[in-house]
Amino acid sequence: MAFTASDVKALREKTGVGMMDCKKALVESDGDMDKAIDFLREKGLAAATKKAGRIAAEGVVMAYTDEAKQTSVIIEVNSETDFVAKNDKFQSFVLSVAKTVINEDPKDVDDLLTKKLDGSDRTVQENLQDMVLAIGENMKIRRFERVTGIAATYIHAGGAVGVLVSFDTDEKTAATAEFKEMGKDVAMQIAAMSPAYLDRASVPASVIEHESEIIKAQLAEDPKMAGKPDQVLAKIAEGKVGKYYKENCLLEQEYVKDSSMNVQKYVDSVAKKLGADIKVTSFIRYAKGEGLEKKEENFADEIANMVKG
């Protein structure tokens, strides 16, 4: 598989490793980006890369809860510019779409587009087209998740990151100020620390197997580990896998607001104070534009084309 200079640049942005090492990694991995990242990690040159790709697209992530229906939604709608994303009409439209998701329970985005927009006698698709024509900018409803039951939401930086966390507890507990504060704190933790999984049981065996292989390769490359007995190396590897869990599993992460405890202990402390059972059951984290590539305008090429034209 061939690779280009932009692939080398992309690998450098993802890993923070120098250009020459990135180029070598791509040569060794036959141009495969994921294998090149593993190669750099095995050599101890790169830490685990961020799970989300480069965030480039504009738009907004919004979360909305209908208390009466005990149903929540998190949704991402993209626009071409940040200016439009901050527009009141755009924000109002996204909120109406979120309410439509709660009321109509669509299967997916295509199904959602055929539903009548909340507060309108026309479909979501028709209203979206009206917005595009009025504002003169392309817009797209990208994704949404709808959950029923007790949940907490948090939106960071005006819609850059959105989180929806589900809990298993009773309604009386959920109505307390202490629970609501805890729910928001847990949602903020997810926004800030971007855990990949809820707990150890949620991590696929294949992921741990992959991490273990990387760790073994790192130990083999480390001159300080040369000559150490296998059981010592196994113990070190076990400790590094434990660290992976602490970094990537929400309930094992160090609680941002109080480093003396992890998130699970924080939730337990609130449950004990309220004399209730509280369990975090799942979470959804959306970062605006993650995985989308924004069109890069090359000013010099644009001027050249204008001159030619």
Protein backbone atom coordinates (compact mmCIF):
# COMPACT_ATOMS: atom_id res chain seq x y z
CA MET A 1 0.00 0.00 0.00
CA ALA A 2 1.51 3.33 -1.08
CA PHE A 3 1.46 6.37 1.18
CA THR A 4 1.81 10.11 0.67
CA ALA A 5 3.38 13.05 2.46
CA SER A 6 -0.05 13.91 3.86
CA ASP A 7 -0.19 10.41 5.43
CA VAL A 8 3.15 11.11 7.16
CA LYS A 9 1.76 14.46 8.35
CA ALA A 10 -1.44 12.81 9.60
CA LEU A 11 0.55 10.16 11.50
CA ARG A 12 2.69 12.89 13.07
CA GLU A 13 -0.43 14.80 14.18
CA LYS A 14 -1.92 11.64 15.70
CA THR A 15 1.21 10.53 17.56
CA GLY A 16 3.41 13.59 18.08
CA VAL A 17 6.39 11.61 16.73
CA GLY A 18 8.98 13.15 14.36
CA MET A 19 8.54 13.08 10.57
CA MET A 20 11.38 10.64 9.84
CA ASP A 21 10.16 8.11 12.42
CA CYS A 22 6.61 8.45 11.04
CA LYS A 23 7.87 7.84 7.52
CA LYS A 24 9.83 4.77 8.67
CA ALA A 25 6.73 3.45 10.50
CA LEU A 26 4.62 3.79 7.34
CA VAL A 27 7.31 2.03 5.29
CA GLU A 28 7.46 -0.82 7.84
CA SER A 29 3.67 -1.13 7.95
CA ASP A 30 3.17 -0.90 4.18
CA GLY A 31 1.23 2.35 4.49
CA ASP A 32 -1.32 1.02 6.99
CA MET A 33 -1.99 3.87 9.47
CA ASP A 34 -3.14 1.65 12.39
CA LYS A 35 -0.17 -0.69 12.00
CA ALA A 36 2.17 2.32 11.80
CA ILE A 37 0.77 3.62 15.13
CA ASP A 38 1.34 0.19 16.69
CA PHE A 39 4.90 0.14 15.30
CA LEU A 40 5.66 3.51 16.93
CA ARG A 41 4.09 2.42 20.22
CA GLU A 42 6.08 -0.81 20.25
CA LYS A 43 9.27 1.21 19.78
CA GLY A 44 8.21 3.35 22.74
CA LEU A 45 8.02 6.44 20.54
CA ALA A 46 4.28 7.05 20.79
CA ALA A 47 1.80 6.83 23.61
CA ALA A 48 -1.69 5.45 23.00
CA THR A 49 -3.23 7.85 20.52
CA LYS A 50 -6.41 9.76 21.11
CA LYS A 51 -9.47 7.71 20.26
CA ALA A 52 -11.18 10.48 18.34
CA GLY A 53 -9.66 11.58 15.07
CA ARG A 54 -8.87 15.16 14.25
CA ILE A 55 -12.00 17.20 14.98
CA ALA A 56 -12.63 19.56 12.10
CA ALA A 57 -16.31 19.85 11.10
CA GLU A 58 -18.45 22.61 12.56
CA GLY A 59 -21.93 22.38 14.02
CA VAL A 60 -23.26 21.52 17.44
CA VAL A 61 -23.83 18.62 19.82
CA MET A 62 -26.98 19.04 21.89
CA ALA A 63 -28.58 17.01 24.67
CA TYR A 64 -32.21 17.26 25.72
CA THR A 65 -34.32 15.49 28.36
CA ASP A 66 -38.11 15.25 28.45
CA GLU A 67 -38.70 14.84 32.19
CA ALA A 68 -42.34 13.80 31.77
CA LYS A 69 -41.42 10.97 29.38
CA GLN A 70 -38.17 10.23 31.24
CA THR A 71 -36.47 10.11 27.85
CA SER A 72 -33.24 11.80 26.77
CA VAL A 73 -31.52 12.37 23.46
CA ILE A 74 -28.04 13.42 22.35
CA ILE A 75 -27.71 14.66 18.78
CA GLU A 76 -25.09 16.11 16.43
CA VAL A 77 -25.98 18.41 13.55
CA ASN A 78 -23.15 19.67 11.34
CA SER A 79 -22.75 22.94 9.48
CA GLU A 80 -19.95 24.32 7.34
CA THR A 81 -18.96 27.19 9.62
CA ASP A 82 -18.85 27.93 13.32
CA PHE A 83 -20.68 31.21 12.62
CA VAL A 84 -23.79 29.34 11.50
CA ALA A 85 -23.53 26.85 14.38
CA LYS A 86 -23.93 29.77 16.81
CA ASN A 87 -26.94 31.16 14.92
CA ASP A 88 -30.14 31.19 17.05
CA LYS A 89 -32.24 29.76 14.18
CA PHE A 90 -29.82 26.87 13.80
CA GLN A 91 -29.82 26.17 17.55
CA SER A 92 -33.63 26.32 17.63
CA PHE A 93 -33.82 23.89 14.70
CA VAL A 94 -31.49 21.40 16.41
CA LEU A 95 -33.61 21.56 19.59
CA SER A 96 -36.76 20.87 17.53
CA VAL A 97 -35.04 17.90 15.90
CA ALA A 98 -34.05 16.58 19.35
CA LYS A 99 -37.68 16.85 20.51
CA THR A 100 -38.78 15.04 17.35
CA VAL A 101 -36.40 12.16 18.18
CA ILE A 102 -37.99 11.87 21.63
CA ASN A 103 -41.56 12.02 20.34
CA GLU A 104 -41.21 9.87 17.21
CA ASP A 105 -38.47 7.38 18.22
CA PRO A 106 -37.01 7.08 14.68
CA LYS A 107 -34.85 4.06 13.77
CA ASP A 108 -32.03 6.12 12.25
CA VAL A 109 -31.27 9.48 10.61
CA ASP A 110 -32.98 8.52 7.32
CA ASP A 111 -36.13 7.60 9.23
CA LEU A 112 -35.91 10.82 11.27
CA LEU A 113 -35.84 12.92 8.09
CA THR A 114 -39.28 11.59 7.10
CA LYS A 115 -40.93 12.53 10.45
CA LYS A 116 -42.81 15.78 11.01
CA LEU A 117 -40.58 18.25 12.83
CA ASP A 118 -41.74 19.08 16.36
CA GLY A 119 -43.96 22.19 16.17
CA SER A 120 -44.23 21.99 12.36
CA ASP A 121 -46.59 20.38 9.86
CA ARG A 122 -43.67 19.64 7.52
CA THR A 123 -40.97 16.96 7.70
CA VAL A 124 -37.52 17.30 9.26
CA GLN A 125 -36.05 16.97 5.74
CA GLU A 126 -38.18 19.83 4.38
CA ASN A 127 -37.31 22.08 7.31
CA LEU A 128 -33.62 21.20 6.91
CA GLN A 129 -33.77 22.15 3.22
CA ASP A 130 -35.42 25.46 4.16
CA MET A 131 -32.56 26.16 6.56
CA VAL A 132 -29.94 25.37 3.90
CA LEU A 133 -31.65 27.71 1.39
CA ALA A 134 -32.13 30.51 3.93
CA ILE A 135 -28.60 30.41 5.36
CA GLY A 136 -26.80 29.36 2.17
CA GLU A 137 -24.72 26.71 3.85
CA ASN A 138 -24.87 22.94 3.78
CA MET A 139 -26.14 21.25 6.95
CA LYS A 140 -26.46 17.64 7.94
CA ILE A 141 -28.07 15.73 10.79
CA ARG A 142 -25.25 13.33 11.48
CA ARG A 143 -26.27 11.08 14.39
CA PHE A 144 -28.35 10.74 17.51
CA GLU A 145 -28.96 8.39 20.43
CA ARG A 146 -32.23 8.16 22.36
CA VAL A 147 -32.41 6.58 25.82
CA THR A 148 -35.22 6.02 28.29
CA GLY A 149 -34.85 6.02 32.06
CA ILE A 150 -32.90 8.14 34.51
CA ALA A 151 -30.06 10.06 32.88
CA ALA A 152 -27.78 13.08 33.24
CA THR A 153 -26.47 15.27 30.43
CA TYR A 154 -23.68 17.79 30.00
CA ILE A 155 -22.73 20.03 27.09
CA HIS A 156 -19.24 21.54 26.99
CA ALA A 157 -18.11 24.72 25.21
CA GLY A 158 -21.41 25.54 23.52
CA GLY A 159 -21.82 22.18 21.85
CA ALA A 160 -18.23 21.06 21.19
CA VAL A 161 -18.71 17.95 23.35
CA GLY A 162 -21.91 16.37 24.62
CA VAL A 163 -22.43 13.57 27.14
CA LEU A 164 -25.44 11.51 28.15
CA VAL A 165 -25.05 9.13 31.13
CA SER A 166 -27.64 6.53 32.17
CA PHE A 167 -28.18 5.47 35.78
CA ASP A 168 -30.04 2.68 37.53
CA THR A 169 -31.69 4.11 40.66
CA ASP A 170 -35.15 4.96 41.98
CA GLU A 171 -37.11 8.08 41.01
CA LYS A 172 -37.05 9.53 44.54
CA THR A 173 -33.24 9.41 44.55
CA ALA A 174 -33.05 10.82 41.02
CA ALA A 175 -35.11 13.84 42.12
CA THR A 176 -32.62 14.90 44.82
CA ALA A 177 -30.20 17.79 44.35
CA GLU A 178 -27.31 15.52 45.44
CA PHE A 179 -28.05 12.99 42.70
CA LYS A 180 -28.40 15.71 40.05
CA GLU A 181 -25.07 17.23 41.06
CA MET A 182 -23.39 13.80 40.99
CA GLY A 183 -24.92 13.03 37.58
CA LYS A 184 -23.55 16.26 36.14
CA ASP A 185 -20.14 15.63 37.73
CA VAL A 186 -19.93 12.15 36.15
CA ALA A 187 -21.00 13.58 32.77
CA MET A 188 -18.32 16.29 33.07
CA GLN A 189 -15.74 13.60 33.89
CA ILE A 190 -16.66 11.79 30.66
CA ALA A 191 -16.45 15.02 28.65
CA ALA A 192 -13.01 15.85 30.08
CA MET A 193 -11.37 12.42 30.23
CA SER A 194 -13.04 10.67 27.26
CA PRO A 195 -13.13 7.11 28.66
CA ALA A 196 -13.49 4.38 26.04
CA TYR A 197 -15.42 1.96 28.25
CA LEU A 198 -17.69 1.93 31.31
CA ASP A 199 -15.78 -0.72 33.33
CA ARG A 200 -13.42 -3.69 32.97
CA ALA A 201 -16.22 -6.02 31.92
CA SER A 202 -16.96 -3.69 28.97
CA VAL A 203 -13.46 -3.96 27.48
CA PRO A 204 -13.35 -6.62 24.72
CA ALA A 205 -10.81 -9.41 25.29
CA SER A 206 -9.30 -8.63 21.87
CA VAL A 207 -8.46 -5.07 23.05
CA ILE A 208 -6.61 -6.33 26.14
CA GLU A 209 -4.84 -8.94 24.02
CA HIS A 210 -3.73 -6.21 21.62
CA GLU A 211 -2.53 -3.95 24.47
CA SER A 212 -0.66 -6.88 26.05
CA GLU A 213 1.19 -7.52 22.78
CA ILE A 214 2.18 -3.83 22.58
CA ILE A 215 3.38 -3.91 26.22
CA LYS A 216 5.46 -7.08 25.59
CA ALA A 217 7.08 -5.44 22.57
CA GLN A 218 7.79 -2.27 24.60
CA LEU A 219 9.47 -4.31 27.37
CA ALA A 220 11.54 -6.20 24.80
CA GLU A 221 12.77 -2.87 23.35
CA ASP A 222 13.61 -1.41 26.78
CA PRO A 223 17.33 -2.00 27.63
CA LYS A 224 16.53 -1.63 31.35
CA MET A 225 14.37 -4.76 31.13
CA ALA A 226 17.09 -6.92 29.57
CA GLY A 227 17.92 -9.98 31.64
CA LYS A 228 14.96 -9.64 34.02
CA PRO A 229 13.24 -12.96 34.87
CA ASP A 230 10.03 -13.81 32.97
CA GLN A 231 7.91 -13.66 36.13
CA VAL A 232 9.15 -10.10 36.83
CA LEU A 233 8.35 -9.05 33.26
CA ALA A 234 4.91 -10.66 33.56
CA LYS A 235 4.28 -8.67 36.77
CA ILE A 236 5.33 -5.43 35.08
CA ALA A 237 3.09 -6.21 32.10
CA GLU A 238 0.19 -6.94 34.45
CA GLY A 239 0.70 -3.55 36.12
CA LYS A 240 0.67 -1.79 32.75
CA VAL A 241 -2.59 -3.53 31.77
CA GLY A 242 -4.02 -2.35 35.10
CA LYS A 243 -2.98 1.18 34.20
CA TYR A 244 -4.80 0.80 30.86
CA TYR A 245 -8.01 0.01 32.74
CA LYS A 246 -7.54 3.02 35.03
CA GLU A 247 -7.07 5.34 32.08
CA ASN A 248 -9.77 3.96 29.79
CA CYS A 249 -12.60 2.70 32.04
CA LEU A 250 -14.85 5.44 33.44
CA LEU A 251 -15.51 3.84 36.82
CA GLU A 252 -11.79 3.21 37.41
CA GLN A 253 -10.63 6.65 36.30
CA GLU A 254 -9.27 9.01 38.94
CA TYR A 255 -12.13 11.38 39.76
CA VAL A 256 -11.18 14.78 38.34
CA LYS A 257 -12.64 16.80 41.23
CA ASP A 258 -11.05 14.66 43.97
CA SER A 259 -7.93 12.64 43.10
CA SER A 260 -8.19 10.65 46.36
CA MET A 261 -10.91 8.48 44.81
CA ASN A 262 -11.99 6.99 41.50
CA VAL A 263 -15.38 7.64 39.84
CA GLN A 264 -16.93 4.45 41.24
CA LYS A 265 -16.03 5.48 44.80
CA TYR A 266 -17.46 8.96 44.20
CA VAL A 267 -20.79 7.49 42.99
CA ASP A 268 -20.81 5.08 45.96
CA SER A 269 -20.19 7.95 48.40
CA VAL A 270 -23.24 9.84 47.09
CA ALA A 271 -25.35 6.65 47.19
CA LYS A 272 -24.32 6.07 50.81
CA LYS A 273 -25.18 9.66 51.74
CA LEU A 274 -28.64 9.27 50.20
CA GLY A 275 -29.15 5.75 51.55
CA ALA A 276 -29.85 4.53 48.03
CA ASP A 277 -28.55 2.21 45.31
CA ILE A 278 -27.01 4.07 42.35
CA LYS A 279 -25.36 2.37 39.40
CA VAL A 280 -23.89 3.92 36.27
CA THR A 281 -25.14 1.67 33.45
CA SER A 282 -23.89 3.31 30.23
CA PHE A 283 -22.76 6.55 28.63
CA ILE A 284 -22.57 8.24 25.24
CA ARG A 285 -19.98 10.90 24.41
CA TYR A 286 -20.15 12.91 21.18
CA ALA A 287 -17.38 15.29 20.13
CA LYS A 288 -18.44 17.65 17.38
CA GLY A 289 -17.05 16.58 14.02
CA GLU A 290 -14.96 13.65 15.32
CA GLY A 291 -13.85 11.50 12.41
CA LEU A 292 -14.92 14.07 9.81
CA GLU A 293 -12.35 15.78 7.64
CA LYS A 294 -12.97 19.42 6.90
CA LYS A 295 -12.11 20.54 3.38
CA GLU A 296 -8.72 22.25 3.52
CA GLU A 297 -8.59 25.37 1.41
CA ASN A 298 -5.21 26.04 -0.19
CA PHE A 299 -5.05 29.82 -0.61
CA ALA A 300 -2.10 29.74 -3.04
CA ASP A 301 -3.85 27.20 -5.31
CA GLU A 302 -7.06 29.25 -5.14
CA ILE A 303 -5.24 32.41 -6.31
CA ALA A 304 -3.47 30.44 -9.05
CA ASN A 305 -6.79 29.07 -10.32
CA MET A 306 -8.32 32.55 -10.30
CA VAL A 307 -5.39 33.89 -12.36
CA LYS A 308 -5.71 30.99 -14.84
CA GLY A 309 -9.46 31.54 -15.00
